Amino acid sequence: MTKQRHVGQSFRAVVMPIKIKNGIPTVISLGGQVYILQGKDQFKGKSSAQAGR
């Protein structure tokens, strides 16, 4: 049974790092979902110079 949460209420989430690169978690698991940390200059498949074309 899940706990009822209200807007503005804080809680502690359980996060499990899946992949760590240079001491920074780049892939994490949170609530059964997998999230990927992507840098602001990182663009999948292209460099930042080609992204504007």
N, C-alpha and C. Protein backbone atom coordinates (compact mmCIF):
# COMPACT_ATOMS: atom_id res chain seq x y z
N MET A 1 0.85 -1.17 0.00
CA MET A 1 0.00 0.00 0.00
C MET A 1 0.90 1.24 0.00
N THR A 2 0.61 2.17 -0.89
CA THR A 2 1.43 3.38 -0.97
C THR A 2 0.90 4.45 -0.03
N LYS A 3 1.80 5.26 0.46
CA LYS A 3 1.44 6.33 1.38
C LYS A 3 0.85 7.50 0.59
N GLN A 4 -0.18 8.10 1.11
CA GLN A 4 -0.79 9.27 0.46
C GLN A 4 0.12 10.48 0.67
N ARG A 5 0.45 11.17 -0.39
CA ARG A 5 1.29 12.36 -0.32
C ARG A 5 0.46 13.57 -0.72
N HIS A 6 0.81 14.71 -0.14
CA HIS A 6 0.10 15.96 -0.40
C HIS A 6 1.05 16.96 -1.04
N VAL A 7 0.51 17.92 -1.78
CA VAL A 7 1.31 18.94 -2.45
C VAL A 7 2.10 19.72 -1.41
N GLY A 8 3.40 19.89 -1.65
CA GLY A 8 4.26 20.63 -0.76
C GLY A 8 4.90 19.80 0.34
N GLN A 9 4.48 18.56 0.48
CA GLN A 9 5.03 17.68 1.51
C GLN A 9 6.36 17.11 1.02
N SER A 10 7.37 17.10 1.87
CA SER A 10 8.67 16.56 1.48
C SER A 10 8.81 15.14 1.98
N PHE A 11 9.65 14.36 1.28
CA PHE A 11 9.93 12.99 1.69
C PHE A 11 11.30 12.60 1.17
N ARG A 12 11.83 11.51 1.68
CA ARG A 12 13.14 11.04 1.27
C ARG A 12 12.96 9.92 0.26
N ALA A 13 13.43 10.15 -0.95
CA ALA A 13 13.34 9.14 -2.01
C ALA A 13 14.55 8.21 -1.93
N VAL A 14 14.37 6.96 -2.34
CA VAL A 14 15.45 5.99 -2.37
C VAL A 14 15.98 5.94 -3.80
N VAL A 15 17.22 6.38 -3.96
CA VAL A 15 17.86 6.43 -5.27
C VAL A 15 19.02 5.45 -5.27
N MET A 16 19.11 4.61 -6.34
CA MET A 16 20.20 3.65 -6.44
C MET A 16 21.02 3.98 -7.69
N PRO A 17 22.31 4.32 -7.54
CA PRO A 17 23.13 4.56 -8.72
C PRO A 17 23.38 3.27 -9.49
N ILE A 18 23.20 3.34 -10.81
CA ILE A 18 23.42 2.19 -11.69
C ILE A 18 24.81 2.28 -12.34
N LYS A 19 25.20 3.49 -12.74
CA LYS A 19 26.50 3.69 -13.39
C LYS A 19 27.12 4.96 -12.83
N ILE A 20 28.42 4.89 -12.51
CA ILE A 20 29.16 6.04 -11.98
C ILE A 20 30.35 6.30 -12.88
N LYS A 21 30.50 7.56 -13.33
CA LYS A 21 31.62 7.93 -14.19
C LYS A 21 32.32 9.14 -13.56
N ASN A 22 33.61 9.02 -13.32
CA ASN A 22 34.42 10.06 -12.68
C ASN A 22 33.84 10.50 -11.34
N GLY A 23 33.28 9.56 -10.59
CA GLY A 23 32.75 9.87 -9.27
C GLY A 23 31.36 10.48 -9.27
N ILE A 24 30.73 10.64 -10.45
CA ILE A 24 29.40 11.23 -10.55
C ILE A 24 28.43 10.17 -11.07
N PRO A 25 27.30 9.97 -10.38
CA PRO A 25 26.31 9.00 -10.90
C PRO A 25 25.71 9.51 -12.20
N THR A 26 25.84 8.74 -13.27
CA THR A 26 25.30 9.15 -14.57
C THR A 26 24.01 8.42 -14.91
N VAL A 27 23.77 7.27 -14.31
CA VAL A 27 22.53 6.53 -14.49
C VAL A 27 22.03 6.13 -13.10
N ILE A 28 20.77 6.50 -12.79
CA ILE A 28 20.21 6.18 -11.48
C ILE A 28 18.86 5.50 -11.63
N SER A 29 18.46 4.79 -10.59
CA SER A 29 17.15 4.16 -10.54
C SER A 29 16.37 4.81 -9.41
N LEU A 30 15.16 5.27 -9.71
CA LEU A 30 14.31 5.94 -8.73
C LEU A 30 12.88 5.47 -8.91
N GLY A 31 12.36 4.80 -7.94
CA GLY A 31 10.97 4.36 -7.99
C GLY A 31 10.68 3.40 -9.13
N GLY A 32 11.63 2.55 -9.47
CA GLY A 32 11.42 1.58 -10.54
C GLY A 32 11.70 2.14 -11.93
N GLN A 33 12.00 3.41 -12.06
CA GLN A 33 12.32 4.03 -13.34
C GLN A 33 13.82 4.29 -13.41
N VAL A 34 14.38 4.30 -14.61
CA VAL A 34 15.80 4.56 -14.80
C VAL A 34 15.95 5.94 -15.44
N TYR A 35 16.79 6.77 -14.85
CA TYR A 35 17.03 8.12 -15.33
C TYR A 35 18.50 8.28 -15.69
N ILE A 36 18.77 9.06 -16.76
CA ILE A 36 20.12 9.28 -17.25
C ILE A 36 20.48 10.74 -17.08
N LEU A 37 21.63 11.01 -16.45
CA LEU A 37 22.13 12.37 -16.30
C LEU A 37 22.81 12.78 -17.59
N GLN A 38 22.33 13.87 -18.18
CA GLN A 38 22.89 14.34 -19.44
C GLN A 38 23.38 15.77 -19.23
N GLY A 39 24.65 16.02 -19.56
CA GLY A 39 25.22 17.35 -19.40
C GLY A 39 24.57 18.36 -20.32
N LYS A 40 24.67 19.67 -19.97
CA LYS A 40 24.02 20.70 -20.77
C LYS A 40 24.63 20.82 -22.17
N ASP A 41 25.90 20.47 -22.33
CA ASP A 41 26.55 20.54 -23.64
C ASP A 41 26.49 19.22 -24.39
N GLN A 42 25.88 18.21 -23.79
CA GLN A 42 25.84 16.89 -24.40
C GLN A 42 24.58 16.74 -25.23
N PHE A 43 24.74 16.27 -26.47
CA PHE A 43 23.60 16.04 -27.36
C PHE A 43 23.79 14.68 -27.97
N LYS A 44 22.84 13.82 -27.86
CA LYS A 44 22.98 12.44 -28.30
C LYS A 44 23.18 12.35 -29.82
N GLY A 45 24.32 11.83 -30.23
CA GLY A 45 24.57 11.57 -31.65
C GLY A 45 25.26 12.69 -32.40
N LYS A 46 25.21 13.93 -31.90
CA LYS A 46 25.83 15.05 -32.59
C LYS A 46 26.60 15.90 -31.60
N SER A 47 27.59 16.64 -32.10
CA SER A 47 28.29 17.57 -31.23
C SER A 47 27.46 18.85 -31.09
N SER A 48 27.80 19.69 -30.12
CA SER A 48 27.03 20.91 -29.89
C SER A 48 27.13 21.89 -31.07
N ALA A 49 28.22 21.81 -31.84
CA ALA A 49 28.37 22.70 -33.00
C ALA A 49 27.38 22.32 -34.12
N GLN A 50 27.07 21.05 -34.25
CA GLN A 50 26.16 20.60 -35.31
C GLN A 50 24.70 20.66 -34.88
N ALA A 51 24.43 20.82 -33.62
CA ALA A 51 23.05 20.79 -33.11
C ALA A 51 22.22 21.94 -33.63
N GLY A 52 22.83 23.09 -33.93
CA GLY A 52 22.08 24.27 -34.38
C GLY A 52 21.79 24.28 -35.86
N ARG A 53 22.32 23.34 -36.60
CA ARG A 53 22.13 23.36 -38.06
C ARG A 53 20.83 22.76 -38.48
